[in-house]
Protein backbone atom coordinates (compact mmCIF):
# COMPACT_ATOMS: atom_id res chain seq x y z
CA UNK A 1 126.72 106.70 67.83
CA UNK A 2 130.40 107.50 68.40
CA UNK A 3 129.49 110.96 69.69
CA UNK A 4 127.05 109.45 72.20
CA UNK A 5 129.74 107.12 73.52
CA UNK A 6 132.20 110.02 73.84
CA UNK A 7 129.65 112.18 75.67
CA UNK A 8 128.65 109.34 77.97
CA UNK A 9 132.30 108.77 78.82
CA UNK A 10 132.83 112.50 79.40
CA UNK A 11 129.91 112.78 81.85
CA UNK A 12 130.76 109.49 83.61
CA UNK A 13 134.33 110.69 84.19
CA UNK A 14 133.11 114.07 85.46
CA UNK A 15 130.84 112.31 87.98
CA UNK A 16 133.60 109.95 89.08
CA UNK A 17 135.94 112.88 89.67
CA UNK A 18 133.24 114.66 91.68
CA UNK A 19 133.21 117.60 89.28
CA UNK A 20 129.48 117.56 88.59
CA UNK A 21 126.22 116.22 90.05
CA UNK A 22 123.56 114.19 88.25
CA UNK A 23 121.04 117.06 88.37
CA UNK A 24 123.63 119.40 86.86
CA UNK A 25 124.30 116.92 84.05
CA UNK A 26 120.58 116.59 83.35
CA UNK A 27 120.26 120.36 83.11
CA UNK A 28 123.27 120.66 80.79
CA UNK A 29 121.94 117.95 78.52
CA UNK A 30 118.51 119.59 78.33
CA UNK A 31 120.05 123.00 77.68
CA UNK A 32 122.07 121.47 74.85
CA UNK A 33 119.04 119.95 73.12
CA UNK A 34 118.62 120.95 69.48
CA UNK A 35 116.08 120.39 66.71
CA UNK A 36 113.98 117.24 67.25
CA UNK A 37 115.57 116.67 70.66
CA UNK A 38 113.89 119.85 71.90
CA UNK A 39 110.51 118.39 70.92
CA UNK A 40 111.31 115.16 72.76
CA UNK A 41 112.37 117.02 75.91
CA UNK A 42 109.23 119.16 75.88
CA UNK A 43 107.04 116.09 75.34
CA UNK A 44 108.69 114.29 78.24
CA UNK A 45 108.27 117.30 80.55
CA UNK A 46 104.62 117.76 79.56
CA UNK A 47 103.96 114.02 79.96
CA UNK A 48 105.66 114.02 83.37
CA UNK A 49 103.38 116.90 84.39
CA UNK A 50 100.34 114.91 83.25
CA UNK A 51 101.54 111.88 85.23
CA UNK A 52 102.11 114.01 88.34
CA UNK A 53 98.71 115.71 87.98
CA UNK A 54 97.07 112.28 87.74
CA UNK A 55 98.86 111.17 90.92
CA UNK A 56 97.32 114.03 92.84
CA UNK A 57 93.89 112.78 91.81
CA UNK A 58 93.97 110.33 94.72
CA UNK A 59 96.95 108.16 93.80
CA UNK A 60 99.75 110.10 95.49
CA UNK A 61 100.06 107.53 98.28
CA UNK A 62 100.81 104.84 95.67
CA UNK A 63 103.98 106.47 94.34
CA UNK A 64 106.33 104.91 96.88
CA UNK A 65 109.45 102.82 96.47
CA UNK A 66 111.55 101.49 93.64
CA UNK A 67 108.65 99.81 91.80
CA UNK A 68 106.89 103.16 91.49
CA UNK A 69 110.12 104.80 90.31
CA UNK A 70 110.52 102.11 87.66
CA UNK A 71 106.95 102.62 86.47
CA UNK A 72 107.55 106.37 86.20
CA UNK A 73 110.82 105.89 84.31
CA UNK A 74 109.27 103.35 81.95
CA UNK A 75 106.35 105.69 81.31
CA UNK A 76 108.70 108.52 80.29
CA UNK A 77 111.00 106.26 78.28
CA UNK A 78 108.14 105.63 75.85
CA UNK A 79 107.57 109.36 75.25
CA UNK A 80 109.24 110.63 72.11
CA UNK A 81 107.59 112.54 69.27
CA UNK A 82 104.27 113.16 71.02
CA UNK A 83 102.89 113.88 74.47
CA UNK A 84 101.42 110.97 76.43
CA UNK A 85 97.77 110.24 75.82
CA UNK A 86 95.20 110.13 78.59
CA UNK A 87 95.14 106.34 78.25
CA UNK A 88 98.92 106.10 78.62
CA UNK A 89 98.86 108.27 81.73
CA UNK A 90 95.97 106.30 83.23
CA UNK A 91 97.63 102.97 82.49
CA UNK A 92 100.88 104.06 84.15
CA UNK A 93 99.19 105.52 87.23
CA UNK A 94 96.86 102.53 87.59
CA UNK A 95 99.83 100.15 87.43
CA UNK A 96 101.36 101.69 90.57
CA UNK A 97 101.38 99.25 93.49
CA UNK A 98 98.67 99.61 96.09
CA UNK A 99 100.23 100.36 99.46
CA UNK A 100 98.38 99.00 102.48
């Protein structure tokens, strides 16, 4: 836990000083993944691909705005030791707001 706090502080300070961008931090964190973290990263990427593929099945116009972003983030936050199931993907995509 102490290491996580130290790393969080390190990255926050680097952002505040303008030394690094959020995408660069994300890449560095992913590149530093080891052991079970690698599995989690791969599962999140695969699940994100499944979510995106499902969007392009006629739901792409529903992924708009902060509510949709929150749904996407919440969907990925639940991915850990396994890839999302078809039911999880469908539930997330179907919960996107209908835009009229």
